[in-house]
Amino acid sequence: MSTFLSDIIDLSRGEPKISSDLKEQVRSISFPVHIQVFITPQCPYCPPAVKLAHDFAMLNPNVTGDMVEVTEFPALSEKYNVMGVPKTVINETLELEGAYPVDVVLKKILELKP
């Protein structure tokens, strides 16, 4: 719920709170990026991971960011072999387990550029 409320606040302000340099890098993504963040409601590390995916999606129309609750979507959780959360899957090929800083996730996404 906290991520949802933060998203509403950021949307009302027009953009998320991340550094100007990182915003420009996110806006420069020129290829489709699908970020799925697998979570559980009890996980204290999941909200920031989901917020990061949503922030990227707010900044760039090439990016979509989904929150996937593992018990509600067992087929997806099984497909990506989710054993712990947060687990981030980007473009169905890159998998990151745990919470990562914005700059690290951005770097990994930019490395996927076709």
PDB file of N, CA and C in Angstrom:
ATOM      1  N   MET A   1       0.818  -1.197   0.000  1.00  0.00           N
ATOM      2  CA  MET A   1       0.000   0.000   0.000  1.00  0.00           C
ATOM      3  C   MET A   1       0.863   1.262   0.000  1.00  0.00           C
ATOM      4  N   SER A   2       1.994   1.219   0.698  1.00  0.00           N
ATOM      5  CA  SER A   2       2.846   2.410   0.764  1.00  0.00           C
ATOM      6  C   SER A   2       3.372   2.794  -0.616  1.00  0.00           C
ATOM      7  N   THR A   3       3.677   1.799  -1.443  1.00  0.00           N
ATOM      8  CA  THR A   3       4.161   2.081  -2.793  1.00  0.00           C
ATOM      9  C   THR A   3       3.068   2.742  -3.618  1.00  0.00           C
ATOM     10  N   PHE A   4       1.857   2.236  -3.491  1.00  0.00           N
ATOM     11  CA  PHE A   4       0.723   2.795  -4.216  1.00  0.00           C
ATOM     12  C   PHE A   4       0.529   4.272  -3.844  1.00  0.00           C
ATOM     13  N   LEU A   5       0.589   4.574  -2.563  1.00  0.00           N
ATOM     14  CA  LEU A   5       0.425   5.962  -2.122  1.00  0.00           C
ATOM     15  C   LEU A   5       1.570   6.844  -2.608  1.00  0.00           C
ATOM     16  N   SER A   6       2.783   6.332  -2.566  1.00  0.00           N
ATOM     17  CA  SER A   6       3.939   7.086  -3.075  1.00  0.00           C
ATOM     18  C   SER A   6       3.797   7.357  -4.567  1.00  0.00           C
ATOM     19  N   ASP A   7       3.291   6.361  -5.302  1.00  0.00           N
ATOM     20  CA  ASP A   7       3.073   6.548  -6.738  1.00  0.00           C
ATOM     21  C   ASP A   7       2.056   7.652  -7.000  1.00  0.00           C
ATOM     22  N   ILE A   8       0.983   7.674  -6.228  1.00  0.00           N
ATOM     23  CA  ILE A   8      -0.043   8.708  -6.394  1.00  0.00           C
ATOM     24  C   ILE A   8       0.556  10.091  -6.135  1.00  0.00           C
ATOM     25  N   ILE A   9       1.350  10.203  -5.090  1.00  0.00           N
ATOM     26  CA  ILE A   9       1.985  11.486  -4.767  1.00  0.00           C
ATOM     27  C   ILE A   9       2.911  11.916  -5.895  1.00  0.00           C
ATOM     28  N   ASP A  10       3.741  10.985  -6.376  1.00  0.00           N
ATOM     29  CA  ASP A  10       4.678  11.320  -7.459  1.00  0.00           C
ATOM     30  C   ASP A  10       3.934  11.706  -8.737  1.00  0.00           C
ATOM     31  N   LEU A  11       2.877  10.995  -9.052  1.00  0.00           N
ATOM     32  CA  LEU A  11       2.091  11.337 -10.247  1.00  0.00           C
ATOM     33  C   LEU A  11       1.468  12.720 -10.113  1.00  0.00           C
ATOM     34  N   SER A  12       1.020  13.064  -8.917  1.00  0.00           N
ATOM     35  CA  SER A  12       0.422  14.391  -8.718  1.00  0.00           C
ATOM     36  C   SER A  12       1.469  15.495  -8.840  1.00  0.00           C
ATOM     37  N   ARG A  13       2.707  15.171  -8.516  1.00  0.00           N
ATOM     38  CA  ARG A  13       3.802  16.143  -8.640  1.00  0.00           C
ATOM     39  C   ARG A  13       4.361  16.192 -10.056  1.00  0.00           C
ATOM     40  N   GLY A  14       4.083  15.163 -10.850  1.00  0.00           N
ATOM     41  CA  GLY A  14       4.542  15.147 -12.234  1.00  0.00           C
ATOM     42  C   GLY A  14       5.707  14.223 -12.504  1.00  0.00           C
ATOM     43  N   GLU A  15       6.424  13.827 -11.464  1.00  0.00           N
ATOM     44  CA  GLU A  15       7.534  12.888 -11.649  1.00  0.00           C
ATOM     45  C   GLU A  15       8.045  12.391 -10.306  1.00  0.00           C
ATOM     46  N   PRO A  16       8.740  11.251 -10.334  1.00  0.00           N
ATOM     47  CA  PRO A  16       9.264  10.690  -9.082  1.00  0.00           C
ATOM     48  C   PRO A  16      10.494  11.453  -8.586  1.00  0.00           C
ATOM     49  N   LYS A  17      10.798  11.215  -7.314  1.00  0.00           N
ATOM     50  CA  LYS A  17      11.969  11.848  -6.700  1.00  0.00           C
ATOM     51  C   LYS A  17      13.194  10.962  -6.876  1.00  0.00           C
ATOM     52  N   ILE A  18      13.911  11.172  -7.949  1.00  0.00           N
ATOM     53  CA  ILE A  18      15.239  10.573  -8.124  1.00  0.00           C
ATOM     54  C   ILE A  18      16.125  11.655  -8.721  1.00  0.00           C
ATOM     55  N   SER A  19      17.425  11.453  -8.690  1.00  0.00           N
ATOM     56  CA  SER A  19      18.344  12.503  -9.125  1.00  0.00           C
ATOM     57  C   SER A  19      18.117  12.872 -10.594  1.00  0.00           C
ATOM     58  N   SER A  20      18.406  14.105 -10.918  1.00  0.00           N
ATOM     59  CA  SER A  20      18.221  14.603 -12.289  1.00  0.00           C
ATOM     60  C   SER A  20      19.025  13.798 -13.295  1.00  0.00           C
ATOM     61  N   ASP A  21      20.238  13.432 -12.918  1.00  0.00           N
ATOM     62  CA  ASP A  21      21.097  12.656 -13.810  1.00  0.00           C
ATOM     63  C   ASP A  21      20.472  11.302 -14.120  1.00  0.00           C
ATOM     64  N   LEU A  22      19.975  10.625 -13.088  1.00  0.00           N
ATOM     65  CA  LEU A  22      19.348   9.315 -13.306  1.00  0.00           C
ATOM     66  C   LEU A  22      18.045   9.454 -14.091  1.00  0.00           C
ATOM     67  N   LYS A  23      17.291  10.528 -13.842  1.00  0.00           N
ATOM     68  CA  LYS A  23      16.067  10.754 -14.606  1.00  0.00           C
ATOM     69  C   LYS A  23      16.372  10.841 -16.098  1.00  0.00           C
ATOM     70  N   GLU A  24      17.396  11.592 -16.435  1.00  0.00           N
ATOM     71  CA  GLU A  24      17.757  11.750 -17.846  1.00  0.00           C
ATOM     72  C   GLU A  24      18.187  10.418 -18.459  1.00  0.00           C
ATOM     73  N   GLN A  25      18.911   9.617 -17.701  1.00  0.00           N
ATOM     74  CA  GLN A  25      19.331   8.312 -18.207  1.00  0.00           C
ATOM     75  C   GLN A  25      18.129   7.393 -18.420  1.00  0.00           C
ATOM     76  N   VAL A  26      17.173   7.420 -17.493  1.00  0.00           N
ATOM     77  CA  VAL A  26      15.967   6.609 -17.643  1.00  0.00           C
ATOM     78  C   VAL A  26      15.176   7.085 -18.856  1.00  0.00           C
ATOM     79  N   ARG A  27      15.058   8.377 -19.016  1.00  0.00           N
ATOM     80  CA  ARG A  27      14.333   8.935 -20.163  1.00  0.00           C
ATOM     81  C   ARG A  27      15.002   8.592 -21.486  1.00  0.00           C
ATOM     82  N   SER A  28      16.292   8.301 -21.459  1.00  0.00           N
ATOM     83  CA  SER A  28      17.019   7.994 -22.697  1.00  0.00           C
ATOM     84  C   SER A  28      16.837   6.542 -23.158  1.00  0.00           C
ATOM     85  N   ILE A  29      16.194   5.707 -22.365  1.00  0.00           N
ATOM     86  CA  ILE A  29      15.981   4.313 -22.768  1.00  0.00           C
ATOM     87  C   ILE A  29      15.111   4.313 -24.027  1.00  0.00           C
ATOM     88  N   SER A  30      15.652   3.744 -25.097  1.00  0.00           N
ATOM     89  CA  SER A  30      14.985   3.831 -26.404  1.00  0.00           C
ATOM     90  C   SER A  30      14.419   2.503 -26.888  1.00  0.00           C
ATOM     91  N   PHE A  31      14.327   1.537 -26.015  1.00  0.00           N
ATOM     92  CA  PHE A  31      13.828   0.216 -26.393  1.00  0.00           C
ATOM     93  C   PHE A  31      12.832  -0.245 -25.327  1.00  0.00           C
ATOM     94  N   PRO A  32      11.952  -1.194 -25.673  1.00  0.00           N
ATOM     95  CA  PRO A  32      10.955  -1.653 -24.704  1.00  0.00           C
ATOM     96  C   PRO A  32      11.594  -2.377 -23.521  1.00  0.00           C
ATOM     97  N   VAL A  33      11.158  -2.006 -22.331  1.00  0.00           N
ATOM     98  CA  VAL A  33      11.644  -2.627 -21.097  1.00  0.00           C
ATOM     99  C   VAL A  33      10.432  -2.999 -20.254  1.00  0.00           C
ATOM    100  N   HIS A  34      10.371  -4.270 -19.877  1.00  0.00           N
ATOM    101  CA  HIS A  34       9.295  -4.746 -19.002  1.00  0.00           C
ATOM    102  C   HIS A  34       9.926  -5.211 -17.696  1.00  0.00           C
ATOM    103  N   ILE A  35       9.600  -4.519 -16.615  1.00  0.00           N
ATOM    104  CA  ILE A  35      10.138  -4.841 -15.297  1.00  0.00           C
ATOM    105  C   ILE A  35       9.030  -5.480 -14.467  1.00  0.00           C
ATOM    106  N   GLN A  36       9.276  -6.697 -13.999  1.00  0.00           N
ATOM    107  CA  GLN A  36       8.349  -7.379 -13.100  1.00  0.00           C
ATOM    108  C   GLN A  36       9.047  -7.556 -11.759  1.00  0.00           C
ATOM    109  N   VAL A  37       8.420  -7.079 -10.698  1.00  0.00           N
ATOM    110  CA  VAL A  37       8.990  -7.220  -9.364  1.00  0.00           C
ATOM    111  C   VAL A  37       8.086  -8.153  -8.567  1.00  0.00           C
ATOM    112  N   PHE A  38       8.619  -9.298  -8.187  1.00  0.00           N
ATOM    113  CA  PHE A  38       7.884 -10.292  -7.408  1.00  0.00           C
ATOM    114  C   PHE A  38       8.039  -9.964  -5.935  1.00  0.00           C
ATOM    115  N   ILE A  39       6.896  -9.940  -5.233  1.00  0.00           N
ATOM    116  CA  ILE A  39       6.889  -9.486  -3.841  1.00  0.00           C
ATOM    117  C   ILE A  39       5.972 -10.348  -2.976  1.00  0.00           C
ATOM    118  N   THR A  40       6.104 -10.164  -1.675  1.00  0.00           N
ATOM    119  CA  THR A  40       5.112 -10.630  -0.710  1.00  0.00           C
ATOM    120  C   THR A  40       4.744  -9.426   0.150  1.00  0.00           C
ATOM    121  N   PRO A  41       3.539  -9.403   0.695  1.00  0.00           N
ATOM    122  CA  PRO A  41       3.134  -8.243   1.508  1.00  0.00           C
ATOM    123  C   PRO A  41       3.989  -8.035   2.758  1.00  0.00           C
ATOM    124  N   GLN A  42       4.581  -9.084   3.299  1.00  0.00           N
ATOM    125  CA  GLN A  42       5.355  -8.977   4.533  1.00  0.00           C
ATOM    126  C   GLN A  42       6.785  -8.502   4.313  1.00  0.00           C
ATOM    127  N   CYS A  43       7.258  -8.483   3.102  1.00  0.00           N
ATOM    128  CA  CYS A  43       8.659  -8.178   2.799  1.00  0.00           C
ATOM    129  C   CYS A  43       8.962  -6.696   2.983  1.00  0.00           C
ATOM    130  N   PRO A  44       9.926  -6.352   3.854  1.00  0.00           N
ATOM    131  CA  PRO A  44      10.261  -4.941   4.046  1.00  0.00           C
ATOM    132  C   PRO A  44      11.115  -4.366   2.909  1.00  0.00           C
ATOM    133  N   TYR A  45      11.712  -5.224   2.084  1.00  0.00           N
ATOM    134  CA  TYR A  45      12.580  -4.773   1.005  1.00  0.00           C
ATOM    135  C   TYR A  45      11.846  -4.639  -0.329  1.00  0.00           C
ATOM    136  N   CYS A  46      10.633  -5.136  -0.380  1.00  0.00           N
ATOM    137  CA  CYS A  46       9.872  -5.142  -1.633  1.00  0.00           C
ATOM    138  C   CYS A  46       9.354  -3.773  -2.064  1.00  0.00           C
ATOM    139  N   PRO A  47       8.800  -2.945  -1.154  1.00  0.00           N
ATOM    140  CA  PRO A  47       8.279  -1.650  -1.612  1.00  0.00           C
ATOM    141  C   PRO A  47       9.289  -0.789  -2.380  1.00  0.00           C
ATOM    142  N   PRO A  48      10.551  -0.668  -1.922  1.00  0.00           N
ATOM    143  CA  PRO A  48      11.489   0.136  -2.716  1.00  0.00           C
ATOM    144  C   PRO A  48      11.780  -0.464  -4.094  1.00  0.00           C
ATOM    145  N   ALA A  49      11.793  -1.780  -4.203  1.00  0.00           N
ATOM    146  CA  ALA A  49      12.036  -2.415  -5.497  1.00  0.00           C
ATOM    147  C   ALA A  49      10.880  -2.139  -6.459  1.00  0.00           C
ATOM    148  N   VAL A  50       9.660  -2.218  -5.953  1.00  0.00           N
ATOM    149  CA  VAL A  50       8.487  -1.918  -6.780  1.00  0.00           C
ATOM    150  C   VAL A  50       8.470  -0.439  -7.146  1.00  0.00           C
ATOM    151  N   LYS A  51       8.786   0.416  -6.194  1.00  0.00           N
ATOM    152  CA  LYS A  51       8.793   1.859  -6.449  1.00  0.00           C
ATOM    153  C   LYS A  51       9.769   2.201  -7.555  1.00  0.00           C
ATOM    154  N   LEU A  52      10.914   1.563  -7.557  1.00  0.00           N
ATOM    155  CA  LEU A  52      11.909   1.794  -8.598  1.00  0.00           C
ATOM    156  C   LEU A  52      11.325   1.457  -9.976  1.00  0.00           C
ATOM    157  N   ALA A  53      10.670   0.310 -10.101  1.00  0.00           N
ATOM    158  CA  ALA A  53      10.064  -0.094 -11.381  1.00  0.00           C
ATOM    159  C   ALA A  53       8.998   0.906 -11.808  1.00  0.00           C
ATOM    160  N   HIS A  54       8.176   1.342 -10.862  1.00  0.00           N
ATOM    161  CA  HIS A  54       7.132   2.312 -11.182  1.00  0.00           C
ATOM    162  C   HIS A  54       7.729   3.672 -11.549  1.00  0.00           C
ATOM    163  N   ASP A  55       8.785   4.074 -10.868  1.00  0.00           N
ATOM    164  CA  ASP A  55       9.442   5.344 -11.192  1.00  0.00           C
ATOM    165  C   ASP A  55       9.963   5.331 -12.623  1.00  0.00           C
ATOM    166  N   PHE A  56      10.612   4.249 -13.011  1.00  0.00           N
ATOM    167  CA  PHE A  56      11.126   4.144 -14.374  1.00  0.00           C
ATOM    168  C   PHE A  56       9.985   4.233 -15.382  1.00  0.00           C
ATOM    169  N   ALA A  57       8.867   3.568 -15.079  1.00  0.00           N
ATOM    170  CA  ALA A  57       7.717   3.587 -15.980  1.00  0.00           C
ATOM    171  C   ALA A  57       7.095   4.984 -16.055  1.00  0.00           C
ATOM    172  N   MET A  58       7.114   5.730 -14.941  1.00  0.00           N
ATOM    173  CA  MET A  58       6.587   7.094 -14.960  1.00  0.00           C
ATOM    174  C   MET A  58       7.437   8.009 -15.828  1.00  0.00           C
ATOM    175  N   LEU A  59       8.723   7.741 -15.868  1.00  0.00           N
ATOM    176  CA  LEU A  59       9.649   8.617 -16.581  1.00  0.00           C
ATOM    177  C   LEU A  59       9.781   8.300 -18.070  1.00  0.00           C
ATOM    178  N   ASN A  60       9.449   7.089 -18.467  1.00  0.00           N
ATOM    179  CA  ASN A  60       9.696   6.697 -19.854  1.00  0.00           C
ATOM    180  C   ASN A  60       8.581   5.780 -20.358  1.00  0.00           C
ATOM    181  N   PRO A  61       7.914   6.153 -21.442  1.00  0.00           N
ATOM    182  CA  PRO A  61       6.833   5.314 -21.970  1.00  0.00           C
ATOM    183  C   PRO A  61       7.319   3.980 -22.547  1.00  0.00           C
ATOM    184  N   ASN A  62       8.615   3.828 -22.734  1.00  0.00           N
ATOM    185  CA  ASN A  62       9.166   2.548 -23.198  1.00  0.00           C
ATOM    186  C   ASN A  62       9.250   1.521 -22.072  1.00  0.00           C
ATOM    187  N   VAL A  63       9.034   1.966 -20.842  1.00  0.00           N
ATOM    188  CA  VAL A  63       9.196   1.094 -19.675  1.00  0.00           C
ATOM    189  C   VAL A  63       7.824   0.806 -19.051  1.00  0.00           C
ATOM    190  N   THR A  64       7.592  -0.470 -18.767  1.00  0.00           N
ATOM    191  CA  THR A  64       6.431  -0.851 -17.958  1.00  0.00           C
ATOM    192  C   THR A  64       6.955  -1.502 -16.686  1.00  0.00           C
ATOM    193  N   GLY A  65       6.287  -1.216 -15.590  1.00  0.00           N
ATOM    194  CA  GLY A  65       6.708  -1.755 -14.301  1.00  0.00           C
ATOM    195  C   GLY A  65       5.543  -2.427 -13.602  1.00  0.00           C
ATOM    196  N   ASP A  66       5.680  -3.712 -13.327  1.00  0.00           N
ATOM    197  CA  ASP A  66       4.620  -4.495 -12.697  1.00  0.00           C
ATOM    198  C   ASP A  66       5.048  -5.011 -11.335  1.00  0.00           C
ATOM    199  N   MET A  67       4.118  -4.969 -10.399  1.00  0.00           N
ATOM    200  CA  MET A  67       4.295  -5.621  -9.116  1.00  0.00           C
ATOM    201  C   MET A  67       3.544  -6.944  -9.199  1.00  0.00           C
ATOM    202  N   VAL A  68       4.203  -8.038  -8.838  1.00  0.00           N
ATOM    203  CA  VAL A  68       3.582  -9.360  -8.918  1.00  0.00           C
ATOM    204  C   VAL A  68       3.646 -10.002  -7.534  1.00  0.00           C
ATOM    205  N   GLU A  69       2.487 -10.166  -6.912  1.00  0.00           N
ATOM    206  CA  GLU A  69       2.437 -10.801  -5.600  1.00  0.00           C
ATOM    207  C   GLU A  69       2.518 -12.315  -5.825  1.00  0.00           C
ATOM    208  N   VAL A  70       3.507 -12.951  -5.237  1.00  0.00           N
ATOM    209  CA  VAL A  70       3.836 -14.338  -5.582  1.00  0.00           C
ATOM    210  C   VAL A  70       2.725 -15.345  -5.312  1.00  0.00           C
ATOM    211  N   THR A  71       1.965 -15.162  -4.237  1.00  0.00           N
ATOM    212  CA  THR A  71       0.921 -16.149  -3.955  1.00  0.00           C
ATOM    213  C   THR A  71      -0.313 -15.944  -4.828  1.00  0.00           C
ATOM    214  N   GLU A  72      -0.499 -14.746  -5.361  1.00  0.00           N
ATOM    215  CA  GLU A  72      -1.637 -14.494  -6.239  1.00  0.00           C
ATOM    216  C   GLU A  72      -1.355 -14.864  -7.688  1.00  0.00           C
ATOM    217  N   PHE A  73      -0.093 -14.975  -8.044  1.00  0.00           N
ATOM    218  CA  PHE A  73       0.294 -15.333  -9.405  1.00  0.00           C
ATOM    219  C   PHE A  73       1.293 -16.490  -9.377  1.00  0.00           C
ATOM    220  N   PRO A  74       0.847 -17.660  -8.921  1.00  0.00           N
ATOM    221  CA  PRO A  74       1.771 -18.784  -8.765  1.00  0.00           C
ATOM    222  C   PRO A  74       2.390 -19.254 -10.082  1.00  0.00           C
ATOM    223  N   ALA A  75       1.667 -19.151 -11.181  1.00  0.00           N
ATOM    224  CA  ALA A  75       2.223 -19.598 -12.466  1.00  0.00           C
ATOM    225  C   ALA A  75       3.414 -18.732 -12.866  1.00  0.00           C
ATOM    226  N   LEU A  76       3.300 -17.413 -12.689  1.00  0.00           N
ATOM    227  CA  LEU A  76       4.425 -16.527 -12.999  1.00  0.00           C
ATOM    228  C   LEU A  76       5.580 -16.765 -12.036  1.00  0.00           C
ATOM    229  N   SER A  77       5.248 -16.947 -10.769  1.00  0.00           N
ATOM    230  CA  SER A  77       6.289 -17.196  -9.772  1.00  0.00           C
ATOM    231  C   SER A  77       7.049 -18.477 -10.086  1.00  0.00           C
ATOM    232  N   GLU A  78       6.327 -19.480 -10.529  1.00  0.00           N
ATOM    233  CA  GLU A  78       6.969 -20.748 -10.898  1.00  0.00           C
ATOM    234  C   GLU A  78       7.791 -20.589 -12.173  1.00  0.00           C
ATOM    235  N   LYS A  79       7.248 -19.859 -13.142  1.00  0.00           N
ATOM    236  CA  LYS A  79       7.954 -19.640 -14.412  1.00  0.00           C
ATOM    237  C   LYS A  79       9.342 -19.045 -14.180  1.00  0.00           C
ATOM    238  N   TYR A  80       9.428 -18.088 -13.242  1.00  0.00           N
ATOM    239  CA  TYR A  80      10.696 -17.418 -12.979  1.00  0.00           C
ATOM    240  C   TYR A  80      11.418 -17.969 -11.751  1.00  0.00           C
ATOM    241  N   ASN A  81      10.944 -19.117 -11.245  1.00  0.00           N
ATOM    242  CA  ASN A  81      11.604 -19.798 -10.144  1.00  0.00           C
ATOM    243  C   ASN A  81      11.855 -18.856  -8.955  1.00  0.00           C
ATOM    244  N   VAL A  82      10.805 -18.169  -8.533  1.00  0.00           N
ATOM    245  CA  VAL A  82      10.924 -17.226  -7.427  1.00  0.00           C
ATOM    246  C   VAL A  82      11.020 -18.000  -6.120  1.00  0.00           C
ATOM    247  N   MET A  83      12.172 -17.887  -5.471  1.00  0.00           N
ATOM    248  CA  MET A  83      12.408 -18.557  -4.191  1.00  0.00           C
ATOM    249  C   MET A  83      12.519 -17.559  -3.050  1.00  0.00           C
ATOM    250  N   GLY A  84      12.744 -16.296  -3.397  1.00  0.00           N
ATOM    251  CA  GLY A  84      12.852 -15.238  -2.404  1.00  0.00           C
ATOM    252  C   GLY A  84      12.428 -13.928  -3.041  1.00  0.00           C
ATOM    253  N   VAL A  85      12.090 -12.975  -2.204  1.00  0.00           N
ATOM    254  CA  VAL A  85      11.645 -11.679  -2.704  1.00  0.00           C
ATOM    255  C   VAL A  85      12.425 -10.553  -2.033  1.00  0.00           C
ATOM    256  N   PRO A  86      12.535  -9.416  -2.674  1.00  0.00           N
ATOM    257  CA  PRO A  86      12.044  -9.134  -4.004  1.00  0.00           C
ATOM    258  C   PRO A  86      12.899  -9.805  -5.068  1.00  0.00           C
ATOM    259  N   LYS A  87      12.248 -10.195  -6.131  1.00  0.00           N
ATOM    260  CA  LYS A  87      12.950 -10.710  -7.309  1.00  0.00           C
ATOM    261  C   LYS A  87      12.451  -9.896  -8.492  1.00  0.00           C
ATOM    262  N   THR A  88      13.391  -9.310  -9.210  1.00  0.00           N
ATOM    263  CA  THR A  88      13.064  -8.464 -10.349  1.00  0.00           C
ATOM    264  C   THR A  88      13.454  -9.191 -11.632  1.00  0.00           C
ATOM    265  N   VAL A  89      12.505  -9.257 -12.555  1.00  0.00           N
ATOM    266  CA  VAL A  89      12.747  -9.866 -13.857  1.00  0.00           C
ATOM    267  C   VAL A  89      12.564  -8.769 -14.905  1.00  0.00           C
ATOM    268  N   ILE A  90      13.588  -8.584 -15.722  1.00  0.00           N
ATOM    269  CA  ILE A  90      13.562  -7.529 -16.732  1.00  0.00           C
ATOM    270  C   ILE A  90      13.617  -8.165 -18.119  1.00  0.00           C
ATOM    271  N   ASN A  91      12.613  -7.848 -18.918  1.00  0.00           N
ATOM    272  CA  ASN A  91      12.494  -8.367 -20.288  1.00  0.00           C
ATOM    273  C   ASN A  91      12.613  -9.889 -20.353  1.00  0.00           C
ATOM    274  N   GLU A  92      12.145 -10.534 -19.327  1.00  0.00           N
ATOM    275  CA  GLU A  92      12.105 -11.995 -19.235  1.00  0.00           C
ATOM    276  C   GLU A  92      13.474 -12.670 -19.330  1.00  0.00           C
ATOM    277  N   THR A  93      14.542 -11.891 -19.302  1.00  0.00           N
ATOM    278  CA  THR A  93      15.871 -12.498 -19.427  1.00  0.00           C
ATOM    279  C   THR A  93      16.790 -12.192 -18.250  1.00  0.00           C
ATOM    280  N   LEU A  94      16.705 -10.979 -17.734  1.00  0.00           N
ATOM    281  CA  LEU A  94      17.583 -10.572 -16.636  1.00  0.00           C
ATOM    282  C   LEU A  94      16.843 -10.737 -15.320  1.00  0.00           C
ATOM    283  N   GLU A  95      17.455 -11.437 -14.377  1.00  0.00           N
ATOM    284  CA  GLU A  95      16.845 -11.662 -13.070  1.00  0.00           C
ATOM    285  C   GLU A  95      17.756 -11.130 -11.977  1.00  0.00           C
ATOM    286  N   LEU A  96      17.178 -10.304 -11.113  1.00  0.00           N
ATOM    287  CA  LEU A  96      17.898  -9.730  -9.980  1.00  0.00           C
ATOM    288  C   LEU A  96      17.190 -10.143  -8.707  1.00  0.00           C
ATOM    289  N   GLU A  97      17.905 -10.799  -7.816  1.00  0.00           N
ATOM    290  CA  GLU A  97      17.315 -11.216  -6.539  1.00  0.00           C
ATOM    291  C   GLU A  97      17.781 -10.277  -5.449  1.00  0.00           C
ATOM    292  N   GLY A  98      16.818  -9.722  -4.712  1.00  0.00           N
ATOM    293  CA  GLY A  98      17.132  -8.772  -3.663  1.00  0.00           C
ATOM    294  C   GLY A  98      16.833  -7.358  -4.116  1.00  0.00           C
ATOM    295  N   ALA A  99      17.063  -6.422  -3.220  1.00  0.00           N
ATOM    296  CA  ALA A  99      16.834  -5.005  -3.509  1.00  0.00           C
ATOM    297  C   ALA A  99      18.135  -4.387  -4.017  1.00  0.00           C
ATOM    298  N   TYR A 100      18.039  -3.637  -5.106  1.00  0.00           N
ATOM    299  CA  TYR A 100      19.208  -3.010  -5.719  1.00  0.00           C
ATOM    300  C   TYR A 100      19.002  -1.503  -5.792  1.00  0.00           C
ATOM    301  N   PRO A 101      20.090  -0.736  -5.746  1.00  0.00           N
ATOM    302  CA  PRO A 101      19.971   0.710  -5.909  1.00  0.00           C
ATOM    303  C   PRO A 101      19.555   1.060  -7.347  1.00  0.00           C
ATOM    304  N   VAL A 102      18.975   2.230  -7.490  1.00  0.00           N
ATOM    305  CA  VAL A 102      18.480   2.692  -8.786  1.00  0.00           C
ATOM    306  C   VAL A 102      19.566   2.640  -9.854  1.00  0.00           C
ATOM    307  N   ASP A 103      20.761   3.134  -9.546  1.00  0.00           N
ATOM    308  CA  ASP A 103      21.817   3.195 -10.558  1.00  0.00           C
ATOM    309  C   ASP A 103      22.243   1.814 -11.036  1.00  0.00           C
ATOM    310  N   VAL A 104      22.213   0.828 -10.164  1.00  0.00           N
ATOM    311  CA  VAL A 104      22.593  -0.537 -10.554  1.00  0.00           C
ATOM    312  C   VAL A 104      21.553  -1.131 -11.498  1.00  0.00           C
ATOM    313  N   VAL A 105      20.276  -0.961 -11.166  1.00  0.00           N
ATOM    314  CA  VAL A 105      19.209  -1.485 -12.021  1.00  0.00           C
ATOM    315  C   VAL A 105      19.248  -0.794 -13.384  1.00  0.00           C
ATOM    316  N   LEU A 106      19.444   0.507 -13.387  1.00  0.00           N
ATOM    317  CA  LEU A 106      19.524   1.253 -14.642  1.00  0.00           C
ATOM    318  C   LEU A 106      20.672   0.748 -15.503  1.00  0.00           C
ATOM    319  N   LYS A 107      21.815   0.532 -14.897  1.00  0.00           N
ATOM    320  CA  LYS A 107      22.981   0.024 -15.638  1.00  0.00           C
ATOM    321  C   LYS A 107      22.663  -1.338 -16.260  1.00  0.00           C
ATOM    322  N   LYS A 108      22.027  -2.217 -15.503  1.00  0.00           N
ATOM    323  CA  LYS A 108      21.670  -3.545 -16.012  1.00  0.00           C
ATOM    324  C   LYS A 108      20.695  -3.427 -17.186  1.00  0.00           C
ATOM    325  N   ILE A 109      19.739  -2.498 -17.074  1.00  0.00           N
ATOM    326  CA  ILE A 109      18.779  -2.302 -18.170  1.00  0.00           C
ATOM    327  C   ILE A 109      19.494  -1.792 -19.412  1.00  0.00           C
ATOM    328  N   LEU A 110      20.351  -0.820 -19.255  1.00  0.00           N
ATOM    329  CA  LEU A 110      21.062  -0.248 -20.416  1.00  0.00           C
ATOM    330  C   LEU A 110      21.950  -1.290 -21.086  1.00  0.00           C
ATOM    331  N   GLU A 111      22.434  -2.260 -20.334  1.00  0.00           N
ATOM    332  CA  GLU A 111      23.243  -3.334 -20.927  1.00  0.00           C
ATOM    333  C   GLU A 111      22.419  -4.249 -21.816  1.00  0.00           C
ATOM    334  N   LEU A 112      21.084  -4.220 -21.674  1.00  0.00           N
ATOM    335  CA  LEU A 112      20.198  -5.054 -22.476  1.00  0.00           C
ATOM    336  C   LEU A 112      19.887  -4.449 -23.841  1.00  0.00           C
ATOM    337  N   LYS A 113      20.343  -3.236 -24.070  1.00  0.00           N
ATOM    338  CA  LYS A 113      20.019  -2.536 -25.323  1.00  0.00           C
ATOM    339  C   LYS A 113      20.384  -3.412 -26.533  1.00  0.00           C
ATOM    340  N   PRO A 114      19.390  -3.603 -27.411  1.00  0.00           N
ATOM    341  CA  PRO A 114      19.654  -4.463 -28.583  1.00  0.00           C
ATOM    342  C   PRO A 114      20.610  -3.805 -29.569  1.00  0.00           C
TER     343      PRO A 114
END
